[in-house]
Amino acid sequence: MLRKTRLTLAMLLLSGCATITSHTVGENPKNSFYAGTQLDFNMLHDCFWCWLDLPVSVVADTLMLPFDTWHYYHTPETSEQTKNSPPPVK
């Protein structure tokens, strides 16, 4: 029984948490509330592990809510990257 528990725990840890992925990979959009939960929900049809990660992501995103709120109010509307980029071609 302990072996199965360890194996399950190892598989969950190695599969990666969508909350961690959504907060570390690339640039976070200004409104990134519950980003890990949204990522899991959008990938439910492609990924079996997303079904297992979804409840964990909901809890983790709830714990990250104070940081996401701080990020929302302290991130300017236009970043330096968008100021320096050329206008879109129409």
N, C-alpha and C. Protein backbone atom coordinates (compact mmCIF):
# COMPACT_ATOMS: atom_id res chain seq x y z
N MET A 1 0.82 -1.20 0.00
CA MET A 1 0.00 0.00 0.00
C MET A 1 0.86 1.25 0.00
N LEU A 2 1.90 1.26 0.81
CA LEU A 2 2.80 2.41 0.89
C LEU A 2 3.52 2.63 -0.44
N ARG A 3 3.84 1.53 -1.10
CA ARG A 3 4.51 1.63 -2.40
C ARG A 3 3.62 2.31 -3.44
N LYS A 4 2.35 1.94 -3.46
CA LYS A 4 1.42 2.54 -4.40
C LYS A 4 1.22 4.02 -4.12
N THR A 5 1.19 4.36 -2.85
CA THR A 5 1.04 5.77 -2.47
C THR A 5 2.25 6.57 -2.91
N ARG A 6 3.43 6.03 -2.71
CA ARG A 6 4.66 6.72 -3.14
C ARG A 6 4.70 6.87 -4.65
N LEU A 7 4.32 5.83 -5.36
CA LEU A 7 4.32 5.88 -6.82
C LEU A 7 3.32 6.93 -7.32
N THR A 8 2.14 6.95 -6.74
CA THR A 8 1.13 7.94 -7.13
C THR A 8 1.61 9.35 -6.83
N LEU A 9 2.19 9.56 -5.67
CA LEU A 9 2.71 10.87 -5.31
C LEU A 9 3.83 11.30 -6.23
N ALA A 10 4.73 10.39 -6.57
CA ALA A 10 5.83 10.71 -7.48
C ALA A 10 5.30 11.07 -8.87
N MET A 11 4.30 10.35 -9.33
CA MET A 11 3.74 10.64 -10.65
C MET A 11 3.06 12.01 -10.67
N LEU A 12 2.37 12.33 -9.58
CA LEU A 12 1.72 13.64 -9.52
C LEU A 12 2.75 14.76 -9.47
N LEU A 13 3.82 14.58 -8.72
CA LEU A 13 4.84 15.61 -8.63
C LEU A 13 5.61 15.76 -9.93
N LEU A 14 5.84 14.67 -10.62
CA LEU A 14 6.58 14.74 -11.88
C LEU A 14 5.73 15.26 -13.03
N SER A 15 4.43 15.16 -12.91
CA SER A 15 3.58 15.61 -14.00
C SER A 15 3.52 17.13 -14.10
N GLY A 16 3.85 17.83 -13.03
CA GLY A 16 3.85 19.29 -13.05
C GLY A 16 2.50 19.86 -12.69
N CYS A 17 2.54 20.94 -12.01
CA CYS A 17 1.31 21.60 -11.58
C CYS A 17 1.03 22.75 -12.55
N ALA A 18 -0.18 22.86 -13.01
CA ALA A 18 -0.53 23.89 -13.98
C ALA A 18 -0.40 25.29 -13.38
N THR A 19 -0.62 25.42 -12.09
CA THR A 19 -0.48 26.73 -11.45
C THR A 19 0.96 27.20 -11.50
N ILE A 20 1.89 26.30 -11.19
CA ILE A 20 3.31 26.65 -11.25
C ILE A 20 3.71 26.95 -12.68
N THR A 21 3.25 26.14 -13.61
CA THR A 21 3.58 26.36 -15.02
C THR A 21 3.05 27.69 -15.52
N SER A 22 1.82 28.02 -15.16
CA SER A 22 1.23 29.26 -15.66
C SER A 22 1.86 30.50 -15.04
N HIS A 23 2.48 30.37 -13.88
CA HIS A 23 3.10 31.52 -13.24
C HIS A 23 4.59 31.65 -13.55
N THR A 24 5.19 30.64 -14.15
CA THR A 24 6.63 30.72 -14.40
C THR A 24 7.01 30.74 -15.88
N VAL A 25 6.20 30.20 -16.75
CA VAL A 25 6.54 30.11 -18.16
C VAL A 25 6.03 31.35 -18.88
N GLY A 26 6.92 32.05 -19.56
CA GLY A 26 6.53 33.22 -20.34
C GLY A 26 6.10 34.38 -19.49
N GLU A 27 5.46 35.34 -20.13
CA GLU A 27 4.96 36.51 -19.42
C GLU A 27 3.53 36.26 -18.96
N ASN A 28 3.26 36.64 -17.74
CA ASN A 28 1.91 36.48 -17.22
C ASN A 28 1.07 37.67 -17.68
N PRO A 29 -0.12 37.40 -18.19
CA PRO A 29 -1.00 38.52 -18.52
C PRO A 29 -1.43 39.23 -17.25
N LYS A 30 -1.87 40.45 -17.41
CA LYS A 30 -2.26 41.24 -16.25
C LYS A 30 -3.39 40.56 -15.49
N ASN A 31 -4.37 40.05 -16.17
CA ASN A 31 -5.49 39.39 -15.53
C ASN A 31 -5.27 37.88 -15.58
N SER A 32 -4.45 37.37 -14.67
CA SER A 32 -4.14 35.93 -14.68
C SER A 32 -4.70 35.24 -13.44
N PHE A 33 -5.92 35.59 -13.04
CA PHE A 33 -6.55 34.94 -11.90
C PHE A 33 -6.93 33.51 -12.27
N TYR A 34 -6.60 32.58 -11.41
CA TYR A 34 -6.89 31.15 -11.60
C TYR A 34 -6.36 30.66 -12.95
N ALA A 35 -5.15 31.05 -13.28
CA ALA A 35 -4.56 30.68 -14.57
C ALA A 35 -4.29 29.18 -14.67
N GLY A 36 -3.85 28.56 -13.59
CA GLY A 36 -3.59 27.12 -13.61
C GLY A 36 -4.88 26.32 -13.79
N THR A 37 -5.93 26.76 -13.14
CA THR A 37 -7.22 26.09 -13.28
C THR A 37 -7.73 26.24 -14.70
N GLN A 38 -7.57 27.43 -15.28
CA GLN A 38 -7.99 27.64 -16.67
C GLN A 38 -7.18 26.77 -17.62
N LEU A 39 -5.88 26.66 -17.36
CA LEU A 39 -5.02 25.82 -18.20
C LEU A 39 -5.46 24.36 -18.14
N ASP A 40 -5.69 23.86 -16.94
CA ASP A 40 -6.16 22.48 -16.80
C ASP A 40 -7.51 22.27 -17.46
N PHE A 41 -8.42 23.20 -17.25
CA PHE A 41 -9.77 23.06 -17.81
C PHE A 41 -9.73 23.04 -19.34
N ASN A 42 -8.88 23.87 -19.93
CA ASN A 42 -8.78 23.92 -21.39
C ASN A 42 -8.12 22.68 -21.97
N MET A 43 -7.36 21.95 -21.17
CA MET A 43 -6.65 20.77 -21.67
C MET A 43 -7.27 19.46 -21.21
N LEU A 44 -8.45 19.48 -20.62
CA LEU A 44 -9.06 18.26 -20.08
C LEU A 44 -9.25 17.17 -21.14
N HIS A 45 -9.59 17.55 -22.35
CA HIS A 45 -9.82 16.56 -23.39
C HIS A 45 -8.52 15.97 -23.94
N ASP A 46 -7.38 16.61 -23.72
CA ASP A 46 -6.10 16.13 -24.25
C ASP A 46 -5.25 15.38 -23.23
N CYS A 47 -5.45 15.65 -21.96
CA CYS A 47 -4.51 15.20 -20.95
C CYS A 47 -5.22 14.49 -19.81
N PHE A 48 -4.85 13.24 -19.56
CA PHE A 48 -5.45 12.49 -18.46
C PHE A 48 -5.02 13.07 -17.12
N TRP A 49 -3.77 13.50 -17.00
CA TRP A 49 -3.27 14.01 -15.72
C TRP A 49 -3.93 15.32 -15.33
N CYS A 50 -4.48 16.03 -16.30
CA CYS A 50 -5.17 17.28 -15.98
C CYS A 50 -6.38 17.04 -15.08
N TRP A 51 -7.01 15.88 -15.23
CA TRP A 51 -8.14 15.54 -14.35
C TRP A 51 -7.66 15.42 -12.91
N LEU A 52 -6.46 14.89 -12.72
CA LEU A 52 -5.92 14.75 -11.37
C LEU A 52 -5.36 16.06 -10.84
N ASP A 53 -4.86 16.88 -11.74
CA ASP A 53 -4.24 18.14 -11.33
C ASP A 53 -5.25 19.25 -11.09
N LEU A 54 -6.43 19.12 -11.65
CA LEU A 54 -7.43 20.19 -11.55
C LEU A 54 -7.78 20.55 -10.10
N PRO A 55 -8.09 19.61 -9.22
CA PRO A 55 -8.38 20.00 -7.83
C PRO A 55 -7.18 20.62 -7.13
N VAL A 56 -5.98 20.13 -7.42
CA VAL A 56 -4.77 20.69 -6.83
C VAL A 56 -4.55 22.11 -7.33
N SER A 57 -4.82 22.34 -8.60
CA SER A 57 -4.66 23.68 -9.17
C SER A 57 -5.66 24.67 -8.59
N VAL A 58 -6.87 24.21 -8.32
CA VAL A 58 -7.86 25.10 -7.72
C VAL A 58 -7.37 25.57 -6.35
N VAL A 59 -6.85 24.64 -5.56
CA VAL A 59 -6.34 24.99 -4.23
C VAL A 59 -5.12 25.90 -4.36
N ALA A 60 -4.18 25.54 -5.24
CA ALA A 60 -2.97 26.34 -5.40
C ALA A 60 -3.29 27.74 -5.94
N ASP A 61 -4.22 27.83 -6.88
CA ASP A 61 -4.60 29.15 -7.41
C ASP A 61 -5.29 30.00 -6.34
N THR A 62 -6.04 29.36 -5.47
CA THR A 62 -6.66 30.10 -4.37
C THR A 62 -5.58 30.64 -3.43
N LEU A 63 -4.55 29.85 -3.17
CA LEU A 63 -3.45 30.31 -2.34
C LEU A 63 -2.64 31.42 -3.02
N MET A 64 -2.60 31.40 -4.35
CA MET A 64 -1.85 32.42 -5.11
C MET A 64 -2.68 33.68 -5.36
N LEU A 65 -3.94 33.68 -4.96
CA LEU A 65 -4.83 34.81 -5.23
C LEU A 65 -4.31 36.14 -4.69
N PRO A 66 -3.74 36.21 -3.48
CA PRO A 66 -3.18 37.50 -3.03
C PRO A 66 -2.05 38.00 -3.94
N PHE A 67 -1.18 37.10 -4.39
CA PHE A 67 -0.11 37.50 -5.31
C PHE A 67 -0.68 37.95 -6.64
N ASP A 68 -1.65 37.21 -7.16
CA ASP A 68 -2.25 37.58 -8.45
C ASP A 68 -2.95 38.94 -8.36
N THR A 69 -3.58 39.21 -7.23
CA THR A 69 -4.22 40.51 -7.04
C THR A 69 -3.19 41.62 -6.99
N TRP A 70 -2.10 41.38 -6.26
CA TRP A 70 -1.01 42.36 -6.21
C TRP A 70 -0.45 42.58 -7.61
N HIS A 71 -0.23 41.51 -8.36
CA HIS A 71 0.30 41.59 -9.72
C HIS A 71 -0.66 42.39 -10.61
N TYR A 72 -1.95 42.20 -10.43
CA TYR A 72 -2.95 42.91 -11.24
C TYR A 72 -2.88 44.42 -11.01
N TYR A 73 -2.75 44.84 -9.76
CA TYR A 73 -2.75 46.28 -9.45
C TYR A 73 -1.40 46.95 -9.63
N HIS A 74 -0.32 46.18 -9.72
CA HIS A 74 1.01 46.77 -9.86
C HIS A 74 1.62 46.57 -11.24
N THR A 75 0.88 46.00 -12.17
CA THR A 75 1.35 45.84 -13.54
C THR A 75 0.73 46.94 -14.38
N PRO A 76 1.54 47.74 -15.07
CA PRO A 76 0.96 48.82 -15.88
C PRO A 76 0.16 48.26 -17.05
N GLU A 77 -0.73 49.09 -17.54
CA GLU A 77 -1.57 48.69 -18.68
C GLU A 77 -0.73 48.38 -19.91
N THR A 78 0.26 49.24 -20.18
CA THR A 78 1.16 49.01 -21.31
C THR A 78 2.55 48.79 -20.76
N SER A 79 3.14 47.68 -21.12
CA SER A 79 4.48 47.38 -20.65
C SER A 79 5.51 48.01 -21.58
N GLU A 80 6.75 47.97 -21.16
CA GLU A 80 7.84 48.52 -21.98
C GLU A 80 7.94 47.80 -23.31
N GLN A 81 7.65 46.52 -23.31
CA GLN A 81 7.73 45.75 -24.54
C GLN A 81 6.70 46.23 -25.56
N THR A 82 5.50 46.54 -25.12
CA THR A 82 4.49 47.00 -26.08
C THR A 82 4.75 48.42 -26.52
N LYS A 83 5.42 49.25 -25.69
CA LYS A 83 5.76 50.61 -26.10
C LYS A 83 6.81 50.61 -27.20
N ASN A 84 7.78 49.70 -27.10
CA ASN A 84 8.89 49.67 -28.05
C ASN A 84 8.59 48.84 -29.30
N SER A 85 7.51 48.08 -29.30
CA SER A 85 7.23 47.24 -30.46
C SER A 85 6.58 48.08 -31.56
N PRO A 86 6.80 47.69 -32.80
CA PRO A 86 6.19 48.44 -33.91
C PRO A 86 4.69 48.25 -33.91
N PRO A 87 3.96 49.19 -34.51
CA PRO A 87 2.50 49.05 -34.56
C PRO A 87 2.12 47.84 -35.42
N PRO A 88 0.96 47.25 -35.15
CA PRO A 88 0.55 46.09 -35.94
C PRO A 88 0.26 46.47 -37.39
N VAL A 89 0.59 45.54 -38.28
CA VAL A 89 0.36 45.75 -39.70
C VAL A 89 -1.06 45.35 -40.03
N LYS A 90 -1.77 46.24 -40.74
CA LYS A 90 -3.17 45.94 -41.09
C LYS A 90 -3.31 45.65 -42.54
